[in-house]
Amino acid sequence: MEFTLLGAALGAVVAAYAVLWFESGRTNAAGCTRDVWDAIVSAMVAGLVVGRLAAMVLAGTNPLTSPGDILIVRGGVDTIAATLAGLVTFAWMARSDLWRLADAAAPAALAALAGWHAGCLTRGSCLGTPSDLPWAMSRSGSAITRHPVELYTAIALAAATIGLVAWKRSRPRDGVIAAVALLAAALARVATEPLRPGLGSDLALWYALGAITAAGLVVWRWRTKIPNSPT
């Protein structure tokens, strides 16, 4: 049995906590860190569980008769189900002050996604389509080198995390940082989806739809004339 899914989840948790720790008392008020952390962890757990259950059902595995498979990497995690579950859970947890807490959590959430994708190193699932680039990697026993597409995504998300942390110092309007984080996450997947194996799935369409929705959210929050809340 293979439990490397837990290693990827641990990487996401560590990355999120590191960013929250760095931002506490700097770009985030120290007092909101606990609330943000609780909401992020709850969203991670909900996304991981729902996404894993969805992947099992889509693969024809009954979670009720095979509960141990929830922790086993066989079919992975359904990205769309995990994303929706995570967003809904976070919105519910942060409902008392959604935009302020969403802005506070946004860089840490992107860092968590970066850590999750970088967890491909423990899961052996980094590679995508064939490539002759100098940094291309190959599977054990194979002479074909491939794009380390999961690492591309992790690097893009990490860069977006750094950019958002820096931007928060200028105190944009409430909700803008969170909306841009959603846009960055969607664009990172749109850009890398053509390099993933199994091209032709409808995931690229979902990510493109997410990017369009996030862009609309950015415009809405940018134009909303609401005073900034302390973060």
Foldseek 3Di string as FASTA:
>chain_A
DDQLLVVLQVLLLVQLVVLLVVCDVPLADVVCSVLLSVLQVQLSVQLLQQQLCVQCVVVPHDCVVCVVCSRPPDRHGRNVRSVVSSVVSSCVSCVVPRQSSLLSRLLSNLSSLLSSLVSCVSVVFQFFAFDPDPPFDDDVPDPTTGDSLSNQLSVQSNVLSVVSSVVSNVPAFGNLSSLVSQLSNLVSCLVSVVRHPPPPDCVNVVSVVSNVVSVVSNVVRNPDPDDHDHD
